[in-house]
Amino acid sequence: MEVVNAAIAVLNGWKNSSVDERFRAVICALEVDMVWVEETAGEVTAWERLTTQFQQQVRDLEELRSVDLVTAVHTYKTVTYRSEREGMPYLNGMEELMKRSG
């Protein structure tokens, strides 16, 4: 269901040049990730950590979506550096998960 919602939002965002639809597509894609990893994370990636990561990504997306032109570059850099720093534990856990399943 989430994959279908994400695909529809992507197409609507592309067709209508809608920022809100593109934002919705990203949120749906994050939901797909959450559902996928819910049963497979186990001891490699704690569910609480994934929930925290999801909330951080939504926070960053909201900040980018509401940026004004005057502070756009500063906001982009801040969000980029923060998301790299906060995302490393999540990415390391996902890398371990992929090694085990591959």
PDB file of N, CA and C in Angstrom:
ATOM      1  N   MET A   1       0.826  -1.198   0.000  1.00  0.00           N
ATOM      2  CA  MET A   1       0.000   0.000   0.000  1.00  0.00           C
ATOM      3  C   MET A   1       0.868   1.259   0.000  1.00  0.00           C
ATOM      4  N   GLU A   2       1.897   1.270   0.848  1.00  0.00           N
ATOM      5  CA  GLU A   2       2.766   2.447   0.927  1.00  0.00           C
ATOM      6  C   GLU A   2       3.546   2.664  -0.365  1.00  0.00           C
ATOM      7  N   VAL A   3       3.941   1.574  -1.016  1.00  0.00           N
ATOM      8  CA  VAL A   3       4.657   1.692  -2.291  1.00  0.00           C
ATOM      9  C   VAL A   3       3.763   2.331  -3.342  1.00  0.00           C
ATOM     10  N   VAL A   4       2.516   1.898  -3.395  1.00  0.00           N
ATOM     11  CA  VAL A   4       1.560   2.467  -4.348  1.00  0.00           C
ATOM     12  C   VAL A   4       1.333   3.948  -4.044  1.00  0.00           C
ATOM     13  N   ASN A   5       1.157   4.277  -2.772  1.00  0.00           N
ATOM     14  CA  ASN A   5       0.973   5.686  -2.389  1.00  0.00           C
ATOM     15  C   ASN A   5       2.178   6.528  -2.791  1.00  0.00           C
ATOM     16  N   ALA A   6       3.373   5.996  -2.578  1.00  0.00           N
ATOM     17  CA  ALA A   6       4.590   6.726  -2.941  1.00  0.00           C
ATOM     18  C   ALA A   6       4.653   6.952  -4.448  1.00  0.00           C
ATOM     19  N   ALA A   7       4.344   5.917  -5.213  1.00  0.00           N
ATOM     20  CA  ALA A   7       4.388   6.036  -6.676  1.00  0.00           C
ATOM     21  C   ALA A   7       3.367   7.051  -7.185  1.00  0.00           C
ATOM     22  N   ILE A   8       2.179   7.023  -6.631  1.00  0.00           N
ATOM     23  CA  ILE A   8       1.140   7.981  -7.036  1.00  0.00           C
ATOM     24  C   ILE A   8       1.574   9.407  -6.692  1.00  0.00           C
ATOM     25  N   ALA A   9       2.132   9.590  -5.501  1.00  0.00           N
ATOM     26  CA  ALA A   9       2.575  10.926  -5.097  1.00  0.00           C
ATOM     27  C   ALA A   9       3.708  11.425  -5.988  1.00  0.00           C
ATOM     28  N   VAL A  10       4.614  10.542  -6.375  1.00  0.00           N
ATOM     29  CA  VAL A  10       5.705  10.928  -7.277  1.00  0.00           C
ATOM     30  C   VAL A  10       5.138  11.381  -8.617  1.00  0.00           C
ATOM     31  N   LEU A  11       4.233  10.612  -9.171  1.00  0.00           N
ATOM     32  CA  LEU A  11       3.642  10.965 -10.467  1.00  0.00           C
ATOM     33  C   LEU A  11       2.853  12.271 -10.379  1.00  0.00           C
ATOM     34  N   ASN A  12       2.081  12.439  -9.306  1.00  0.00           N
ATOM     35  CA  ASN A  12       1.335  13.683  -9.131  1.00  0.00           C
ATOM     36  C   ASN A  12       2.274  14.875  -8.950  1.00  0.00           C
ATOM     37  N   GLY A  13       3.336  14.674  -8.198  1.00  0.00           N
ATOM     38  CA  GLY A  13       4.306  15.741  -8.002  1.00  0.00           C
ATOM     39  C   GLY A  13       4.987  16.140  -9.293  1.00  0.00           C
ATOM     40  N   TRP A  14       5.289  15.161 -10.129  1.00  0.00           N
ATOM     41  CA  TRP A  14       5.924  15.430 -11.421  1.00  0.00           C
ATOM     42  C   TRP A  14       4.933  16.097 -12.370  1.00  0.00           C
ATOM     43  N   LYS A  15       3.729  15.557 -12.452  1.00  0.00           N
ATOM     44  CA  LYS A  15       2.716  16.059 -13.381  1.00  0.00           C
ATOM     45  C   LYS A  15       2.271  17.478 -13.022  1.00  0.00           C
ATOM     46  N   ASN A  16       2.083  17.744 -11.746  1.00  0.00           N
ATOM     47  CA  ASN A  16       1.538  19.032 -11.308  1.00  0.00           C
ATOM     48  C   ASN A  16       2.595  19.985 -10.759  1.00  0.00           C
ATOM     49  N   SER A  17       3.848  19.581 -10.800  1.00  0.00           N
ATOM     50  CA  SER A  17       4.933  20.374 -10.194  1.00  0.00           C
ATOM     51  C   SER A  17       4.578  20.784  -8.771  1.00  0.00           C
ATOM     52  N   SER A  18       4.064  19.838  -8.019  1.00  0.00           N
ATOM     53  CA  SER A  18       3.583  20.103  -6.672  1.00  0.00           C
ATOM     54  C   SER A  18       4.635  19.737  -5.628  1.00  0.00           C
ATOM     55  N   VAL A  19       5.062  20.723  -4.862  1.00  0.00           N
ATOM     56  CA  VAL A  19       6.006  20.473  -3.775  1.00  0.00           C
ATOM     57  C   VAL A  19       5.367  19.581  -2.723  1.00  0.00           C
ATOM     58  N   ASP A  20       4.100  19.817  -2.425  1.00  0.00           N
ATOM     59  CA  ASP A  20       3.421  19.003  -1.419  1.00  0.00           C
ATOM     60  C   ASP A  20       3.345  17.537  -1.835  1.00  0.00           C
ATOM     61  N   GLU A  21       3.081  17.272  -3.104  1.00  0.00           N
ATOM     62  CA  GLU A  21       3.017  15.884  -3.574  1.00  0.00           C
ATOM     63  C   GLU A  21       4.401  15.235  -3.541  1.00  0.00           C
ATOM     64  N   ARG A  22       5.418  15.994  -3.870  1.00  0.00           N
ATOM     65  CA  ARG A  22       6.781  15.450  -3.801  1.00  0.00           C
ATOM     66  C   ARG A  22       7.152  15.151  -2.359  1.00  0.00           C
ATOM     67  N   PHE A  23       6.775  16.037  -1.463  1.00  0.00           N
ATOM     68  CA  PHE A  23       7.012  15.810  -0.038  1.00  0.00           C
ATOM     69  C   PHE A  23       6.281  14.550   0.414  1.00  0.00           C
ATOM     70  N   ARG A  24       5.037  14.414  -0.004  1.00  0.00           N
ATOM     71  CA  ARG A  24       4.255  13.227   0.349  1.00  0.00           C
ATOM     72  C   ARG A  24       4.908  11.959  -0.190  1.00  0.00           C
ATOM     73  N   ALA A  25       5.497  12.038  -1.380  1.00  0.00           N
ATOM     74  CA  ALA A  25       6.177  10.887  -1.962  1.00  0.00           C
ATOM     75  C   ALA A  25       7.360  10.458  -1.106  1.00  0.00           C
ATOM     76  N   VAL A  26       8.110  11.428  -0.622  1.00  0.00           N
ATOM     77  CA  VAL A  26       9.256  11.103   0.228  1.00  0.00           C
ATOM     78  C   VAL A  26       8.784  10.487   1.543  1.00  0.00           C
ATOM     79  N   ILE A  27       7.746  11.061   2.125  1.00  0.00           N
ATOM     80  CA  ILE A  27       7.211  10.507   3.374  1.00  0.00           C
ATOM     81  C   ILE A  27       6.723   9.079   3.155  1.00  0.00           C
ATOM     82  N   CYS A  28       6.045   8.829   2.045  1.00  0.00           N
ATOM     83  CA  CYS A  28       5.584   7.471   1.732  1.00  0.00           C
ATOM     84  C   CYS A  28       6.771   6.525   1.554  1.00  0.00           C
ATOM     85  N   ALA A  29       7.821   6.993   0.903  1.00  0.00           N
ATOM     86  CA  ALA A  29       9.016   6.155   0.728  1.00  0.00           C
ATOM     87  C   ALA A  29       9.645   5.818   2.073  1.00  0.00           C
ATOM     88  N   LEU A  30       9.665   6.778   2.979  1.00  0.00           N
ATOM     89  CA  LEU A  30      10.174   6.498   4.320  1.00  0.00           C
ATOM     90  C   LEU A  30       9.296   5.484   5.039  1.00  0.00           C
ATOM     91  N   GLU A  31       7.997   5.579   4.833  1.00  0.00           N
ATOM     92  CA  GLU A  31       7.077   4.592   5.416  1.00  0.00           C
ATOM     93  C   GLU A  31       7.364   3.200   4.866  1.00  0.00           C
ATOM     94  N   VAL A  32       7.664   3.104   3.575  1.00  0.00           N
ATOM     95  CA  VAL A  32       8.006   1.815   2.971  1.00  0.00           C
ATOM     96  C   VAL A  32       9.238   1.244   3.660  1.00  0.00           C
ATOM     97  N   ASP A  33      10.253   2.078   3.859  1.00  0.00           N
ATOM     98  CA  ASP A  33      11.456   1.627   4.564  1.00  0.00           C
ATOM     99  C   ASP A  33      11.127   1.126   5.956  1.00  0.00           C
ATOM    100  N   MET A  34      10.276   1.844   6.661  1.00  0.00           N
ATOM    101  CA  MET A  34       9.921   1.454   8.021  1.00  0.00           C
ATOM    102  C   MET A  34       9.203   0.101   8.037  1.00  0.00           C
ATOM    103  N   VAL A  35       8.272  -0.093   7.130  1.00  0.00           N
ATOM    104  CA  VAL A  35       7.537  -1.353   7.074  1.00  0.00           C
ATOM    105  C   VAL A  35       8.477  -2.489   6.699  1.00  0.00           C
ATOM    106  N   TRP A  36       9.371  -2.257   5.735  1.00  0.00           N
ATOM    107  CA  TRP A  36      10.296  -3.294   5.284  1.00  0.00           C
ATOM    108  C   TRP A  36      11.206  -3.749   6.415  1.00  0.00           C
ATOM    109  N   VAL A  37      11.720  -2.827   7.167  1.00  0.00           N
ATOM    110  CA  VAL A  37      12.716  -3.171   8.175  1.00  0.00           C
ATOM    111  C   VAL A  37      12.081  -3.640   9.485  1.00  0.00           C
ATOM    112  N   GLU A  38      10.800  -3.406   9.664  1.00  0.00           N
ATOM    113  CA  GLU A  38      10.138  -3.739  10.927  1.00  0.00           C
ATOM    114  C   GLU A  38      10.347  -5.191  11.323  1.00  0.00           C
ATOM    115  N   GLU A  39      10.236  -6.102  10.386  1.00  0.00           N
ATOM    116  CA  GLU A  39      10.366  -7.525  10.695  1.00  0.00           C
ATOM    117  C   GLU A  39      11.772  -8.065  10.468  1.00  0.00           C
ATOM    118  N   THR A  40      12.666  -7.267   9.893  1.00  0.00           N
ATOM    119  CA  THR A  40      13.982  -7.802   9.539  1.00  0.00           C
ATOM    120  C   THR A  40      15.131  -7.191  10.322  1.00  0.00           C
ATOM    121  N   ALA A  41      14.878  -6.141  11.075  1.00  0.00           N
ATOM    122  CA  ALA A  41      15.977  -5.431  11.732  1.00  0.00           C
ATOM    123  C   ALA A  41      16.643  -6.272  12.808  1.00  0.00           C
ATOM    124  N   GLY A  42      15.852  -6.906  13.650  1.00  0.00           N
ATOM    125  CA  GLY A  42      16.411  -7.735  14.703  1.00  0.00           C
ATOM    126  C   GLY A  42      17.392  -6.981  15.576  1.00  0.00           C
ATOM    127  N   GLU A  43      18.471  -7.658  15.924  1.00  0.00           N
ATOM    128  CA  GLU A  43      19.453  -7.044  16.811  1.00  0.00           C
ATOM    129  C   GLU A  43      20.386  -6.083  16.090  1.00  0.00           C
ATOM    130  N   VAL A  44      20.380  -6.078  14.748  1.00  0.00           N
ATOM    131  CA  VAL A  44      21.294  -5.208  14.000  1.00  0.00           C
ATOM    132  C   VAL A  44      20.875  -3.753  14.087  1.00  0.00           C
ATOM    133  N   THR A  45      19.603  -3.495  13.860  1.00  0.00           N
ATOM    134  CA  THR A  45      19.086  -2.123  13.885  1.00  0.00           C
ATOM    135  C   THR A  45      17.854  -2.091  14.779  1.00  0.00           C
ATOM    136  N   ALA A  46      17.967  -1.443  15.904  1.00  0.00           N
ATOM    137  CA  ALA A  46      16.858  -1.389  16.860  1.00  0.00           C
ATOM    138  C   ALA A  46      15.688  -0.600  16.272  1.00  0.00           C
ATOM    139  N   TRP A  47      14.484  -1.085  16.505  1.00  0.00           N
ATOM    140  CA  TRP A  47      13.292  -0.421  16.001  1.00  0.00           C
ATOM    141  C   TRP A  47      13.197   1.012  16.521  1.00  0.00           C
ATOM    142  N   GLU A  48      13.575   1.241  17.770  1.00  0.00           N
ATOM    143  CA  GLU A  48      13.540   2.589  18.332  1.00  0.00           C
ATOM    144  C   GLU A  48      14.473   3.524  17.558  1.00  0.00           C
ATOM    145  N   ARG A  49      15.618   2.988  17.138  1.00  0.00           N
ATOM    146  CA  ARG A  49      16.571   3.796  16.367  1.00  0.00           C
ATOM    147  C   ARG A  49      15.968   4.170  15.013  1.00  0.00           C
ATOM    148  N   LEU A  50      15.263   3.244  14.396  1.00  0.00           N
ATOM    149  CA  LEU A  50      14.633   3.528  13.109  1.00  0.00           C
ATOM    150  C   LEU A  50      13.534   4.569  13.252  1.00  0.00           C
ATOM    151  N   THR A  51      12.785   4.473  14.325  1.00  0.00           N
ATOM    152  CA  THR A  51      11.738   5.455  14.571  1.00  0.00           C
ATOM    153  C   THR A  51      12.344   6.844  14.764  1.00  0.00           C
ATOM    154  N   THR A  52      13.435   6.905  15.509  1.00  0.00           N
ATOM    155  CA  THR A  52      14.132   8.176  15.707  1.00  0.00           C
ATOM    156  C   THR A  52      14.633   8.723  14.377  1.00  0.00           C
ATOM    157  N   GLN A  53      15.228   7.854  13.563  1.00  0.00           N
ATOM    158  CA  GLN A  53      15.740   8.270  12.257  1.00  0.00           C
ATOM    159  C   GLN A  53      14.613   8.797  11.376  1.00  0.00           C
ATOM    160  N   PHE A  54      13.495   8.120  11.380  1.00  0.00           N
ATOM    161  CA  PHE A  54      12.333   8.557  10.612  1.00  0.00           C
ATOM    162  C   PHE A  54      11.898   9.955  11.046  1.00  0.00           C
ATOM    163  N   GLN A  55      11.803  10.178  12.343  1.00  0.00           N
ATOM    164  CA  GLN A  55      11.397  11.490  12.854  1.00  0.00           C
ATOM    165  C   GLN A  55      12.406  12.573  12.465  1.00  0.00           C
ATOM    166  N   GLN A  56      13.692  12.236  12.472  1.00  0.00           N
ATOM    167  CA  GLN A  56      14.716  13.205  12.077  1.00  0.00           C
ATOM    168  C   GLN A  56      14.596  13.547  10.596  1.00  0.00           C
ATOM    169  N   GLN A  57      14.318  12.544   9.776  1.00  0.00           N
ATOM    170  CA  GLN A  57      14.170  12.798   8.349  1.00  0.00           C
ATOM    171  C   GLN A  57      12.942  13.657   8.065  1.00  0.00           C
ATOM    172  N   VAL A  58      11.852  13.382   8.733  1.00  0.00           N
ATOM    173  CA  VAL A  58      10.648  14.201   8.562  1.00  0.00           C
ATOM    174  C   VAL A  58      10.930  15.636   8.998  1.00  0.00           C
ATOM    175  N   ARG A  59      11.629  15.813  10.117  1.00  0.00           N
ATOM    176  CA  ARG A  59      12.004  17.148  10.589  1.00  0.00           C
ATOM    177  C   ARG A  59      12.821  17.883   9.521  1.00  0.00           C
ATOM    178  N   ASP A  60      13.811  17.187   8.953  1.00  0.00           N
ATOM    179  CA  ASP A  60      14.661  17.807   7.935  1.00  0.00           C
ATOM    180  C   ASP A  60      13.871  18.157   6.674  1.00  0.00           C
ATOM    181  N   LEU A  61      12.985  17.265   6.265  1.00  0.00           N
ATOM    182  CA  LEU A  61      12.175  17.533   5.077  1.00  0.00           C
ATOM    183  C   LEU A  61      11.247  18.723   5.297  1.00  0.00           C
ATOM    184  N   GLU A  62      10.655  18.804   6.478  1.00  0.00           N
ATOM    185  CA  GLU A  62       9.788  19.945   6.792  1.00  0.00           C
ATOM    186  C   GLU A  62      10.589  21.252   6.755  1.00  0.00           C
ATOM    187  N   GLU A  63      11.812  21.202   7.298  1.00  0.00           N
ATOM    188  CA  GLU A  63      12.650  22.396   7.303  1.00  0.00           C
ATOM    189  C   GLU A  63      13.013  22.818   5.880  1.00  0.00           C
ATOM    190  N   LEU A  64      13.338  21.850   5.039  1.00  0.00           N
ATOM    191  CA  LEU A  64      13.675  22.166   3.644  1.00  0.00           C
ATOM    192  C   LEU A  64      12.457  22.652   2.868  1.00  0.00           C
ATOM    193  N   ARG A  65      11.309  22.082   3.154  1.00  0.00           N
ATOM    194  CA  ARG A  65      10.096  22.465   2.440  1.00  0.00           C
ATOM    195  C   ARG A  65       9.672  23.897   2.761  1.00  0.00           C
ATOM    196  N   SER A  66       9.962  24.353   3.961  1.00  0.00           N
ATOM    197  CA  SER A  66       9.511  25.681   4.362  1.00  0.00           C
ATOM    198  C   SER A  66      10.609  26.741   4.291  1.00  0.00           C
ATOM    199  N   VAL A  67      11.699  26.441   3.596  1.00  0.00           N
ATOM    200  CA  VAL A  67      12.823  27.374   3.526  1.00  0.00           C
ATOM    201  C   VAL A  67      12.459  28.597   2.682  1.00  0.00           C
ATOM    202  N   ASP A  68      13.022  29.746   3.068  1.00  0.00           N
ATOM    203  CA  ASP A  68      12.825  30.937   2.239  1.00  0.00           C
ATOM    204  C   ASP A  68      14.085  31.149   1.394  1.00  0.00           C
ATOM    205  N   LEU A  69      13.973  31.934   0.350  1.00  0.00           N
ATOM    206  CA  LEU A  69      15.081  32.105  -0.592  1.00  0.00           C
ATOM    207  C   LEU A  69      16.295  32.783   0.033  1.00  0.00           C
ATOM    208  N   VAL A  70      16.099  33.588   1.039  1.00  0.00           N
ATOM    209  CA  VAL A  70      17.205  34.311   1.666  1.00  0.00           C
ATOM    210  C   VAL A  70      18.142  33.360   2.414  1.00  0.00           C
ATOM    211  N   THR A  71      17.580  32.373   3.087  1.00  0.00           N
ATOM    212  CA  THR A  71      18.385  31.469   3.909  1.00  0.00           C
ATOM    213  C   THR A  71      18.507  30.066   3.319  1.00  0.00           C
ATOM    214  N   ALA A  72      18.161  29.901   2.062  1.00  0.00           N
ATOM    215  CA  ALA A  72      18.108  28.566   1.464  1.00  0.00           C
ATOM    216  C   ALA A  72      19.444  27.830   1.525  1.00  0.00           C
ATOM    217  N   VAL A  73      20.531  28.481   1.154  1.00  0.00           N
ATOM    218  CA  VAL A  73      21.836  27.816   1.126  1.00  0.00           C
ATOM    219  C   VAL A  73      22.256  27.410   2.534  1.00  0.00           C
ATOM    220  N   HIS A  74      22.083  28.319   3.482  1.00  0.00           N
ATOM    221  CA  HIS A  74      22.445  28.018   4.867  1.00  0.00           C
ATOM    222  C   HIS A  74      21.610  26.845   5.393  1.00  0.00           C
ATOM    223  N   THR A  75      20.312  26.876   5.155  1.00  0.00           N
ATOM    224  CA  THR A  75      19.427  25.804   5.622  1.00  0.00           C
ATOM    225  C   THR A  75      19.808  24.475   4.991  1.00  0.00           C
ATOM    226  N   TYR A  76      20.082  24.477   3.694  1.00  0.00           N
ATOM    227  CA  TYR A  76      20.463  23.253   2.999  1.00  0.00           C
ATOM    228  C   TYR A  76      21.739  22.657   3.603  1.00  0.00           C
ATOM    229  N   LYS A  77      22.740  23.504   3.827  1.00  0.00           N
ATOM    230  CA  LYS A  77      23.999  23.019   4.407  1.00  0.00           C
ATOM    231  C   LYS A  77      23.778  22.471   5.815  1.00  0.00           C
ATOM    232  N   THR A  78      23.007  23.178   6.610  1.00  0.00           N
ATOM    233  CA  THR A  78      22.725  22.734   7.980  1.00  0.00           C
ATOM    234  C   THR A  78      22.046  21.377   7.979  1.00  0.00           C
ATOM    235  N   VAL A  79      21.017  21.226   7.161  1.00  0.00           N
ATOM    236  CA  VAL A  79      20.273  19.966   7.105  1.00  0.00           C
ATOM    237  C   VAL A  79      21.160  18.845   6.564  1.00  0.00           C
ATOM    238  N   THR A  80      21.972  19.139   5.557  1.00  0.00           N
ATOM    239  CA  THR A  80      22.854  18.127   4.979  1.00  0.00           C
ATOM    240  C   THR A  80      23.839  17.600   6.007  1.00  0.00           C
ATOM    241  N   TYR A  81      24.531  18.488   6.685  1.00  0.00           N
ATOM    242  CA  TYR A  81      25.521  18.061   7.679  1.00  0.00           C
ATOM    243  C   TYR A  81      24.865  17.333   8.845  1.00  0.00           C
ATOM    244  N   ARG A  82      23.736  17.849   9.304  1.00  0.00           N
ATOM    245  CA  ARG A  82      23.035  17.217  10.416  1.00  0.00           C
ATOM    246  C   ARG A  82      22.538  15.822  10.034  1.00  0.00           C
ATOM    247  N   SER A  83      21.977  15.688   8.846  1.00  0.00           N
ATOM    248  CA  SER A  83      21.452  14.383   8.443  1.00  0.00           C
ATOM    249  C   SER A  83      22.567  13.361   8.230  1.00  0.00           C
ATOM    250  N   GLU A  84      23.720  13.807   7.731  1.00  0.00           N
ATOM    251  CA  GLU A  84      24.855  12.888   7.609  1.00  0.00           C
ATOM    252  C   GLU A  84      25.294  12.388   8.981  1.00  0.00           C
ATOM    253  N   ARG A  85      25.411  13.300   9.918  1.00  0.00           N
ATOM    254  CA  ARG A  85      25.854  12.947  11.271  1.00  0.00           C
ATOM    255  C   ARG A  85      24.837  12.020  11.949  1.00  0.00           C
ATOM    256  N   GLU A  86      23.568  12.371  11.877  1.00  0.00           N
ATOM    257  CA  GLU A  86      22.538  11.593  12.558  1.00  0.00           C
ATOM    258  C   GLU A  86      22.253  10.263  11.862  1.00  0.00           C
ATOM    259  N   GLY A  87      22.504  10.190  10.563  1.00  0.00           N
ATOM    260  CA  GLY A  87      22.158   9.003   9.807  1.00  0.00           C
ATOM    261  C   GLY A  87      23.181   7.882   9.833  1.00  0.00           C
ATOM    262  N   MET A  88      24.393   8.170  10.277  1.00  0.00           N
ATOM    263  CA  MET A  88      25.442   7.147  10.241  1.00  0.00           C
ATOM    264  C   MET A  88      25.105   5.869  11.007  1.00  0.00           C
ATOM    265  N   PRO A  89      24.621   5.943  12.242  1.00  0.00           N
ATOM    266  CA  PRO A  89      24.282   4.684  12.933  1.00  0.00           C
ATOM    267  C   PRO A  89      23.237   3.872  12.174  1.00  0.00           C
ATOM    268  N   TYR A  90      22.258   4.555  11.593  1.00  0.00           N
ATOM    269  CA  TYR A  90      21.220   3.885  10.818  1.00  0.00           C
ATOM    270  C   TYR A  90      21.814   3.216   9.588  1.00  0.00           C
ATOM    271  N   LEU A  91      22.666   3.944   8.864  1.00  0.00           N
ATOM    272  CA  LEU A  91      23.272   3.392   7.654  1.00  0.00           C
ATOM    273  C   LEU A  91      24.192   2.225   7.969  1.00  0.00           C
ATOM    274  N   ASN A  92      24.929   2.318   9.052  1.00  0.00           N
ATOM    275  CA  ASN A  92      25.790   1.205   9.449  1.00  0.00           C
ATOM    276  C   ASN A  92      24.969  -0.038   9.762  1.00  0.00           C
ATOM    277  N   GLY A  93      23.871   0.150  10.476  1.00  0.00           N
ATOM    278  CA  GLY A  93      22.990  -0.985  10.770  1.00  0.00           C
ATOM    279  C   GLY A  93      22.381  -1.585   9.516  1.00  0.00           C
ATOM    280  N   MET A  94      21.970  -0.740   8.575  1.00  0.00           N
ATOM    281  CA  MET A  94      21.395  -1.244   7.328  1.00  0.00           C
ATOM    282  C   MET A  94      22.449  -1.980   6.504  1.00  0.00           C
ATOM    283  N   GLU A  95      23.683  -1.511   6.529  1.00  0.00           N
ATOM    284  CA  GLU A  95      24.758  -2.193   5.814  1.00  0.00           C
ATOM    285  C   GLU A  95      24.974  -3.597   6.383  1.00  0.00           C
ATOM    286  N   GLU A  96      24.977  -3.709   7.700  1.00  0.00           N
ATOM    287  CA  GLU A  96      25.113  -5.028   8.341  1.00  0.00           C
ATOM    288  C   GLU A  96      23.941  -5.929   7.977  1.00  0.00           C
ATOM    289  N   LEU A  97      22.759  -5.368   7.949  1.00  0.00           N
ATOM    290  CA  LEU A  97      21.560  -6.125   7.598  1.00  0.00           C
ATOM    291  C   LEU A  97      21.655  -6.658   6.169  1.00  0.00           C
ATOM    292  N   MET A  98      22.128  -5.824   5.250  1.00  0.00           N
ATOM    293  CA  MET A  98      22.266  -6.247   3.854  1.00  0.00           C
ATOM    294  C   MET A  98      23.330  -7.335   3.712  1.00  0.00           C
ATOM    295  N   LYS A  99      24.400  -7.247   4.457  1.00  0.00           N
ATOM    296  CA  LYS A  99      25.442  -8.279   4.431  1.00  0.00           C
ATOM    297  C   LYS A  99      24.890  -9.628   4.870  1.00  0.00           C
ATOM    298  N   ARG A 100      24.054  -9.606   5.906  1.00  0.00           N
ATOM    299  CA  ARG A 100      23.494 -10.846   6.419  1.00  0.00           C
ATOM    300  C   ARG A 100      22.462 -11.457   5.477  1.00  0.00           C
ATOM    301  N   SER A 101      21.735 -10.628   4.761  1.00  0.00           N
ATOM    302  CA  SER A 101      20.672 -11.144   3.904  1.00  0.00           C
ATOM    303  C   SER A 101      21.152 -11.456   2.501  1.00  0.00           C
ATOM    304  N   GLY A 102      22.365 -11.014   2.141  1.00  0.00           N
ATOM    305  CA  GLY A 102      22.859 -11.181   0.771  1.00  0.00           C
ATOM    306  C   GLY A 102      23.746 -12.300   0.574  1.00  0.00           C
TER     307      GLY A 102
END
